[in-house]
Amino acid sequence: MIAAYHAGQRTLDDLVLGFRARRWPLMPLATPPGLEEAEPAIDDRESYVPGSFDDVVRAYDLGQLADGDYQDLAAAAAF
């Protein structure tokens, strides 16, 4: 969807509507049972999850989305 937007094939409004309707995957926890005390050191909440909002963050980091576009999409995904 981001590539289509970047190519001018979709509008920001199209993306926002799609983001509001989409169910975003949750980040899985990586902490094994019994090691809960070590969770902050073990559980990397920054790992990449394909098909998640990480794709939007990546597009923003690559300059494919403007600040305002990113903010609109983040708000839509949190809707």
PDB file of N, CA and C in Angstrom:
ATOM      1  N   MET A   1       0.818  -1.188   0.000  1.00  0.00           N
ATOM      2  CA  MET A   1       0.000   0.000   0.000  1.00  0.00           C
ATOM      3  C   MET A   1       0.867   1.259   0.000  1.00  0.00           C
ATOM      4  N   ILE A   2       1.966   1.210   0.747  1.00  0.00           N
ATOM      5  CA  ILE A   2       2.856   2.374   0.807  1.00  0.00           C
ATOM      6  C   ILE A   2       3.488   2.622  -0.559  1.00  0.00           C
ATOM      7  N   ALA A   3       3.896   1.541  -1.229  1.00  0.00           N
ATOM      8  CA  ALA A   3       4.510   1.691  -2.552  1.00  0.00           C
ATOM      9  C   ALA A   3       3.520   2.312  -3.537  1.00  0.00           C
ATOM     10  N   ALA A   4       2.258   1.893  -3.477  1.00  0.00           N
ATOM     11  CA  ALA A   4       1.233   2.449  -4.368  1.00  0.00           C
ATOM     12  C   ALA A   4       1.011   3.929  -4.051  1.00  0.00           C
ATOM     13  N   TYR A   5       1.040   4.281  -2.770  1.00  0.00           N
ATOM     14  CA  TYR A   5       0.904   5.684  -2.379  1.00  0.00           C
ATOM     15  C   TYR A   5       2.100   6.486  -2.885  1.00  0.00           C
ATOM     16  N   HIS A   6       3.276   5.949  -2.675  1.00  0.00           N
ATOM     17  CA  HIS A   6       4.502   6.644  -3.098  1.00  0.00           C
ATOM     18  C   HIS A   6       4.535   6.829  -4.616  1.00  0.00           C
ATOM     19  N   ALA A   7       3.946   5.880  -5.344  1.00  0.00           N
ATOM     20  CA  ALA A   7       3.905   5.952  -6.806  1.00  0.00           C
ATOM     21  C   ALA A   7       2.766   6.828  -7.322  1.00  0.00           C
ATOM     22  N   GLY A   8       1.946   7.359  -6.407  1.00  0.00           N
ATOM     23  CA  GLY A   8       0.838   8.217  -6.814  1.00  0.00           C
ATOM     24  C   GLY A   8      -0.396   7.460  -7.238  1.00  0.00           C
ATOM     25  N   GLN A   9      -0.451   6.151  -6.934  1.00  0.00           N
ATOM     26  CA  GLN A   9      -1.587   5.326  -7.327  1.00  0.00           C
ATOM     27  C   GLN A   9      -2.687   5.282  -6.271  1.00  0.00           C
ATOM     28  N   ARG A  10      -2.368   5.733  -5.055  1.00  0.00           N
ATOM     29  CA  ARG A  10      -3.340   5.804  -3.966  1.00  0.00           C
ATOM     30  C   ARG A  10      -3.193   7.146  -3.279  1.00  0.00           C
ATOM     31  N   THR A  11      -4.263   7.597  -2.668  1.00  0.00           N
ATOM     32  CA  THR A  11      -4.207   8.849  -1.914  1.00  0.00           C
ATOM     33  C   THR A  11      -3.965   8.533  -0.440  1.00  0.00           C
ATOM     34  N   LEU A  12      -3.596   9.560   0.300  1.00  0.00           N
ATOM     35  CA  LEU A  12      -3.420   9.393   1.741  1.00  0.00           C
ATOM     36  C   LEU A  12      -4.746   8.996   2.383  1.00  0.00           C
ATOM     37  N   ASP A  13      -5.834   9.547   1.910  1.00  0.00           N
ATOM     38  CA  ASP A  13      -7.156   9.182   2.446  1.00  0.00           C
ATOM     39  C   ASP A  13      -7.434   7.693   2.241  1.00  0.00           C
ATOM     40  N   ASP A  14      -7.038   7.131   1.074  1.00  0.00           N
ATOM     41  CA  ASP A  14      -7.193   5.694   0.826  1.00  0.00           C
ATOM     42  C   ASP A  14      -6.409   4.889   1.866  1.00  0.00           C
ATOM     43  N   LEU A  15      -5.174   5.326   2.124  1.00  0.00           N
ATOM     44  CA  LEU A  15      -4.347   4.619   3.102  1.00  0.00           C
ATOM     45  C   LEU A  15      -4.958   4.690   4.490  1.00  0.00           C
ATOM     46  N   VAL A  16      -5.411   5.869   4.882  1.00  0.00           N
ATOM     47  CA  VAL A  16      -6.004   6.038   6.206  1.00  0.00           C
ATOM     48  C   VAL A  16      -7.206   5.108   6.372  1.00  0.00           C
ATOM     49  N   LEU A  17      -8.067   5.044   5.377  1.00  0.00           N
ATOM     50  CA  LEU A  17      -9.231   4.158   5.457  1.00  0.00           C
ATOM     51  C   LEU A  17      -8.813   2.702   5.559  1.00  0.00           C
ATOM     52  N   GLY A  18      -7.815   2.319   4.779  1.00  0.00           N
ATOM     53  CA  GLY A  18      -7.316   0.952   4.836  1.00  0.00           C
ATOM     54  C   GLY A  18      -6.678   0.630   6.179  1.00  0.00           C
ATOM     55  N   PHE A  19      -5.961   1.586   6.751  1.00  0.00           N
ATOM     56  CA  PHE A  19      -5.298   1.372   8.035  1.00  0.00           C
ATOM     57  C   PHE A  19      -6.317   1.242   9.160  1.00  0.00           C
ATOM     58  N   ARG A  20      -7.396   1.993   9.076  1.00  0.00           N
ATOM     59  CA  ARG A  20      -8.419   1.909  10.125  1.00  0.00           C
ATOM     60  C   ARG A  20      -9.120   0.555  10.101  1.00  0.00           C
ATOM     61  N   ALA A  21      -9.302  -0.004   8.915  1.00  0.00           N
ATOM     62  CA  ALA A  21     -10.014  -1.272   8.773  1.00  0.00           C
ATOM     63  C   ALA A  21      -9.119  -2.484   9.025  1.00  0.00           C
ATOM     64  N   ARG A  22      -7.821  -2.301   8.965  1.00  0.00           N
ATOM     65  CA  ARG A  22      -6.891  -3.420   9.068  1.00  0.00           C
ATOM     66  C   ARG A  22      -6.649  -3.831  10.517  1.00  0.00           C
ATOM     67  N   ARG A  23      -6.499  -5.118  10.745  1.00  0.00           N
ATOM     68  CA  ARG A  23      -6.089  -5.625  12.047  1.00  0.00           C
ATOM     69  C   ARG A  23      -4.574  -5.797  11.995  1.00  0.00           C
ATOM     70  N   TRP A  24      -3.880  -5.064  12.852  1.00  0.00           N
ATOM     71  CA  TRP A  24      -2.426  -5.087  12.866  1.00  0.00           C
ATOM     72  C   TRP A  24      -1.934  -6.200  13.783  1.00  0.00           C
ATOM     73  N   PRO A  25      -0.930  -6.985  13.327  1.00  0.00           N
ATOM     74  CA  PRO A  25      -0.408  -8.058  14.189  1.00  0.00           C
ATOM     75  C   PRO A  25       0.280  -7.484  15.416  1.00  0.00           C
ATOM     76  N   LEU A  26       0.119  -8.172  16.524  1.00  0.00           N
ATOM     77  CA  LEU A  26       0.771  -7.769  17.755  1.00  0.00           C
ATOM     78  C   LEU A  26       2.204  -8.284  17.765  1.00  0.00           C
ATOM     79  N   MET A  27       3.050  -7.580  18.470  1.00  0.00           N
ATOM     80  CA  MET A  27       4.435  -8.009  18.610  1.00  0.00           C
ATOM     81  C   MET A  27       4.469  -9.201  19.563  1.00  0.00           C
ATOM     82  N   PRO A  28       5.014 -10.337  19.122  1.00  0.00           N
ATOM     83  CA  PRO A  28       5.091 -11.478  20.035  1.00  0.00           C
ATOM     84  C   PRO A  28       6.171 -11.243  21.090  1.00  0.00           C
ATOM     85  N   LEU A  29       5.938 -11.777  22.283  1.00  0.00           N
ATOM     86  CA  LEU A  29       6.932 -11.675  23.334  1.00  0.00           C
ATOM     87  C   LEU A  29       7.989 -12.753  23.133  1.00  0.00           C
ATOM     88  N   ALA A  30       9.216 -12.436  23.427  1.00  0.00           N
ATOM     89  CA  ALA A  30      10.314 -13.372  23.239  1.00  0.00           C
ATOM     90  C   ALA A  30      10.827 -13.941  24.551  1.00  0.00           C
ATOM     91  N   THR A  31      10.218 -13.579  25.672  1.00  0.00           N
ATOM     92  CA  THR A  31      10.704 -14.028  26.975  1.00  0.00           C
ATOM     93  C   THR A  31      10.244 -15.454  27.249  1.00  0.00           C
ATOM     94  N   PRO A  32      11.197 -16.375  27.445  1.00  0.00           N
ATOM     95  CA  PRO A  32      10.814 -17.756  27.766  1.00  0.00           C
ATOM     96  C   PRO A  32      10.188 -17.843  29.163  1.00  0.00           C
ATOM     97  N   PRO A  33       9.301 -18.804  29.382  1.00  0.00           N
ATOM     98  CA  PRO A  33       8.704 -18.984  30.708  1.00  0.00           C
ATOM     99  C   PRO A  33       9.797 -19.211  31.758  1.00  0.00           C
ATOM    100  N   GLY A  34       9.621 -18.601  32.921  1.00  0.00           N
ATOM    101  CA  GLY A  34      10.579 -18.753  33.999  1.00  0.00           C
ATOM    102  C   GLY A  34      11.664 -17.693  34.016  1.00  0.00           C
ATOM    103  N   LEU A  35      11.728 -16.877  32.972  1.00  0.00           N
ATOM    104  CA  LEU A  35      12.748 -15.834  32.898  1.00  0.00           C
ATOM    105  C   LEU A  35      12.120 -14.442  32.885  1.00  0.00           C
ATOM    106  N   GLU A  36      10.962 -14.306  33.495  1.00  0.00           N
ATOM    107  CA  GLU A  36      10.241 -13.041  33.487  1.00  0.00           C
ATOM    108  C   GLU A  36      11.061 -11.886  34.064  1.00  0.00           C
ATOM    109  N   GLU A  37      11.912 -12.166  35.043  1.00  0.00           N
ATOM    110  CA  GLU A  37      12.720 -11.101  35.638  1.00  0.00           C
ATOM    111  C   GLU A  37      13.725 -10.528  34.638  1.00  0.00           C
ATOM    112  N   ALA A  38      14.085 -11.315  33.646  1.00  0.00           N
ATOM    113  CA  ALA A  38      15.051 -10.875  32.634  1.00  0.00           C
ATOM    114  C   ALA A  38      14.368 -10.313  31.395  1.00  0.00           C
ATOM    115  N   GLU A  39      13.044 -10.172  31.445  1.00  0.00           N
ATOM    116  CA  GLU A  39      12.295  -9.731  30.268  1.00  0.00           C
ATOM    117  C   GLU A  39      12.836  -8.459  29.628  1.00  0.00           C
ATOM    118  N   PRO A  40      13.157  -7.399  30.406  1.00  0.00           N
ATOM    119  CA  PRO A  40      13.667  -6.193  29.749  1.00  0.00           C
ATOM    120  C   PRO A  40      14.937  -6.434  28.936  1.00  0.00           C
ATOM    121  N   ALA A  41      15.762  -7.360  29.361  1.00  0.00           N
ATOM    122  CA  ALA A  41      17.005  -7.635  28.648  1.00  0.00           C
ATOM    123  C   ALA A  41      16.801  -8.602  27.484  1.00  0.00           C
ATOM    124  N   ILE A  42      15.824  -9.467  27.591  1.00  0.00           N
ATOM    125  CA  ILE A  42      15.618 -10.508  26.580  1.00  0.00           C
ATOM    126  C   ILE A  42      14.662 -10.078  25.478  1.00  0.00           C
ATOM    127  N   ASP A  43      13.557  -9.472  25.865  1.00  0.00           N
ATOM    128  CA  ASP A  43      12.475  -9.191  24.924  1.00  0.00           C
ATOM    129  C   ASP A  43      12.771  -7.953  24.093  1.00  0.00           C
ATOM    130  N   ASP A  44      13.158  -8.159  22.858  1.00  0.00           N
ATOM    131  CA  ASP A  44      13.463  -7.056  21.945  1.00  0.00           C
ATOM    132  C   ASP A  44      12.185  -6.608  21.265  1.00  0.00           C
ATOM    133  N   ARG A  45      11.615  -5.544  21.751  1.00  0.00           N
ATOM    134  CA  ARG A  45      10.357  -5.051  21.185  1.00  0.00           C
ATOM    135  C   ARG A  45      10.565  -4.302  19.876  1.00  0.00           C
ATOM    136  N   GLU A  46      11.782  -4.226  19.423  1.00  0.00           N
ATOM    137  CA  GLU A  46      12.075  -3.546  18.166  1.00  0.00           C
ATOM    138  C   GLU A  46      12.288  -4.520  17.011  1.00  0.00           C
ATOM    139  N   SER A  47      12.027  -5.817  17.227  1.00  0.00           N
ATOM    140  CA  SER A  47      12.212  -6.775  16.147  1.00  0.00           C
ATOM    141  C   SER A  47      11.196  -6.488  15.037  1.00  0.00           C
ATOM    142  N   TYR A  48      11.569  -6.790  13.810  1.00  0.00           N
ATOM    143  CA  TYR A  48      10.740  -6.492  12.640  1.00  0.00           C
ATOM    144  C   TYR A  48       9.692  -7.573  12.442  1.00  0.00           C
ATOM    145  N   VAL A  49       8.455  -7.176  12.260  1.00  0.00           N
ATOM    146  CA  VAL A  49       7.358  -8.092  11.987  1.00  0.00           C
ATOM    147  C   VAL A  49       6.795  -7.749  10.614  1.00  0.00           C
ATOM    148  N   PRO A  50       7.056  -8.565   9.589  1.00  0.00           N
ATOM    149  CA  PRO A  50       6.532  -8.277   8.244  1.00  0.00           C
ATOM    150  C   PRO A  50       5.016  -8.155   8.244  1.00  0.00           C
ATOM    151  N   GLY A  51       4.505  -7.189   7.505  1.00  0.00           N
ATOM    152  CA  GLY A  51       3.069  -6.971   7.404  1.00  0.00           C
ATOM    153  C   GLY A  51       2.499  -6.160   8.552  1.00  0.00           C
ATOM    154  N   SER A  52       3.356  -5.716   9.454  1.00  0.00           N
ATOM    155  CA  SER A  52       2.896  -4.924  10.590  1.00  0.00           C
ATOM    156  C   SER A  52       3.151  -3.441  10.315  1.00  0.00           C
ATOM    157  N   PHE A  53       2.914  -2.627  11.312  1.00  0.00           N
ATOM    158  CA  PHE A  53       3.157  -1.193  11.176  1.00  0.00           C
ATOM    159  C   PHE A  53       4.642  -0.900  10.980  1.00  0.00           C
ATOM    160  N   ASP A  54       5.494  -1.900  11.241  1.00  0.00           N
ATOM    161  CA  ASP A  54       6.928  -1.750  10.985  1.00  0.00           C
ATOM    162  C   ASP A  54       7.189  -1.357   9.531  1.00  0.00           C
ATOM    163  N   ASP A  55       6.353  -1.821   8.610  1.00  0.00           N
ATOM    164  CA  ASP A  55       6.510  -1.464   7.200  1.00  0.00           C
ATOM    165  C   ASP A  55       6.302   0.034   6.988  1.00  0.00           C
ATOM    166  N   VAL A  56       5.390   0.623   7.740  1.00  0.00           N
ATOM    167  CA  VAL A  56       5.131   2.051   7.639  1.00  0.00           C
ATOM    168  C   VAL A  56       6.318   2.831   8.209  1.00  0.00           C
ATOM    169  N   VAL A  57       6.822   2.374   9.351  1.00  0.00           N
ATOM    170  CA  VAL A  57       7.990   3.019   9.961  1.00  0.00           C
ATOM    171  C   VAL A  57       9.172   2.959   9.009  1.00  0.00           C
ATOM    172  N   ARG A  58       9.354   1.826   8.369  1.00  0.00           N
ATOM    173  CA  ARG A  58      10.457   1.679   7.405  1.00  0.00           C
ATOM    174  C   ARG A  58      10.296   2.650   6.240  1.00  0.00           C
ATOM    175  N   ALA A  59       9.085   2.757   5.705  1.00  0.00           N
ATOM    176  CA  ALA A  59       8.829   3.687   4.599  1.00  0.00           C
ATOM    177  C   ALA A  59       9.113   5.118   5.033  1.00  0.00           C
ATOM    178  N   TYR A  60       8.740   5.460   6.253  1.00  0.00           N
ATOM    179  CA  TYR A  60       9.011   6.799   6.781  1.00  0.00           C
ATOM    180  C   TYR A  60      10.521   7.019   6.897  1.00  0.00           C
ATOM    181  N   ASP A  61      11.217   6.028   7.443  1.00  0.00           N
ATOM    182  CA  ASP A  61      12.664   6.135   7.602  1.00  0.00           C
ATOM    183  C   ASP A  61      13.390   6.275   6.260  1.00  0.00           C
ATOM    184  N   LEU A  62      12.824   5.691   5.221  1.00  0.00           N
ATOM    185  CA  LEU A  62      13.417   5.769   3.883  1.00  0.00           C
ATOM    186  C   LEU A  62      13.014   7.045   3.139  1.00  0.00           C
ATOM    187  N   GLY A  63      12.196   7.886   3.782  1.00  0.00           N
ATOM    188  CA  GLY A  63      11.787   9.139   3.155  1.00  0.00           C
ATOM    189  C   GLY A  63      10.635   9.001   2.186  1.00  0.00           C
ATOM    190  N   GLN A  64       9.925   7.874   2.235  1.00  0.00           N
ATOM    191  CA  GLN A  64       8.800   7.658   1.336  1.00  0.00           C
ATOM    192  C   GLN A  64       7.496   8.257   1.866  1.00  0.00           C
ATOM    193  N   LEU A  65       7.508   8.679   3.121  1.00  0.00           N
ATOM    194  CA  LEU A  65       6.345   9.321   3.732  1.00  0.00           C
ATOM    195  C   LEU A  65       6.779  10.613   4.406  1.00  0.00           C
ATOM    196  N   ALA A  66       5.990  11.642   4.257  1.00  0.00           N
ATOM    197  CA  ALA A  66       6.242  12.916   4.932  1.00  0.00           C
ATOM    198  C   ALA A  66       5.796  12.802   6.397  1.00  0.00           C
ATOM    199  N   ASP A  67       6.244  13.741   7.221  1.00  0.00           N
ATOM    200  CA  ASP A  67       5.898  13.727   8.645  1.00  0.00           C
ATOM    201  C   ASP A  67       4.387  13.678   8.868  1.00  0.00           C
ATOM    202  N   GLY A  68       3.662  14.541   8.182  1.00  0.00           N
ATOM    203  CA  GLY A  68       2.211  14.592   8.345  1.00  0.00           C
ATOM    204  C   GLY A  68       1.536  13.305   7.896  1.00  0.00           C
ATOM    205  N   ASP A  69       2.023  12.730   6.793  1.00  0.00           N
ATOM    206  CA  ASP A  69       1.464  11.464   6.310  1.00  0.00           C
ATOM    207  C   ASP A  69       1.657  10.371   7.353  1.00  0.00           C
ATOM    208  N   TYR A  70       2.873  10.298   7.907  1.00  0.00           N
ATOM    209  CA  TYR A  70       3.165   9.294   8.922  1.00  0.00           C
ATOM    210  C   TYR A  70       2.248   9.475  10.133  1.00  0.00           C
ATOM    211  N   GLN A  71       2.068  10.703  10.571  1.00  0.00           N
ATOM    212  CA  GLN A  71       1.205  10.953  11.725  1.00  0.00           C
ATOM    213  C   GLN A  71      -0.235  10.537  11.457  1.00  0.00           C
ATOM    214  N   ASP A  72      -0.729  10.810  10.257  1.00  0.00           N
ATOM    215  CA  ASP A  72      -2.088  10.421   9.896  1.00  0.00           C
ATOM    216  C   ASP A  72      -2.241   8.904   9.891  1.00  0.00           C
ATOM    217  N   LEU A  73      -1.235   8.215   9.336  1.00  0.00           N
ATOM    218  CA  LEU A  73      -1.300   6.753   9.254  1.00  0.00           C
ATOM    219  C   LEU A  73      -1.151   6.131  10.645  1.00  0.00           C
ATOM    220  N   ALA A  74      -0.312   6.697  11.493  1.00  0.00           N
ATOM    221  CA  ALA A  74      -0.154   6.184  12.864  1.00  0.00           C
ATOM    222  C   ALA A  74      -1.472   6.333  13.627  1.00  0.00           C
ATOM    223  N   ALA A  75      -2.125   7.467  13.458  1.00  0.00           N
ATOM    224  CA  ALA A  75      -3.409   7.682  14.129  1.00  0.00           C
ATOM    225  C   ALA A  75      -4.464   6.714  13.603  1.00  0.00           C
ATOM    226  N   ALA A  76      -4.445   6.459  12.291  1.00  0.00           N
ATOM    227  CA  ALA A  76      -5.425   5.538  11.692  1.00  0.00           C
ATOM    228  C   ALA A  76      -5.187   4.116  12.173  1.00  0.00           C
ATOM    229  N   ALA A  77      -3.930   3.703  12.288  1.00  0.00           N
ATOM    230  CA  ALA A  77      -3.623   2.344  12.731  1.00  0.00           C
ATOM    231  C   ALA A  77      -3.995   2.140  14.195  1.00  0.00           C
ATOM    232  N   ALA A  78      -3.940   3.206  14.985  1.00  0.00           N
ATOM    233  CA  ALA A  78      -4.271   3.111  16.402  1.00  0.00           C
ATOM    234  C   ALA A  78      -5.768   3.215  16.648  1.00  0.00           C
ATOM    235  N   PHE A  79      -6.538   3.520  15.626  1.00  0.00           N
ATOM    236  CA  PHE A  79      -7.984   3.759  15.708  1.00  0.00           C
ATOM    237  C   PHE A  79      -8.727   2.558  16.232  1.00  0.00           C
TER     238      PHE A  79
END
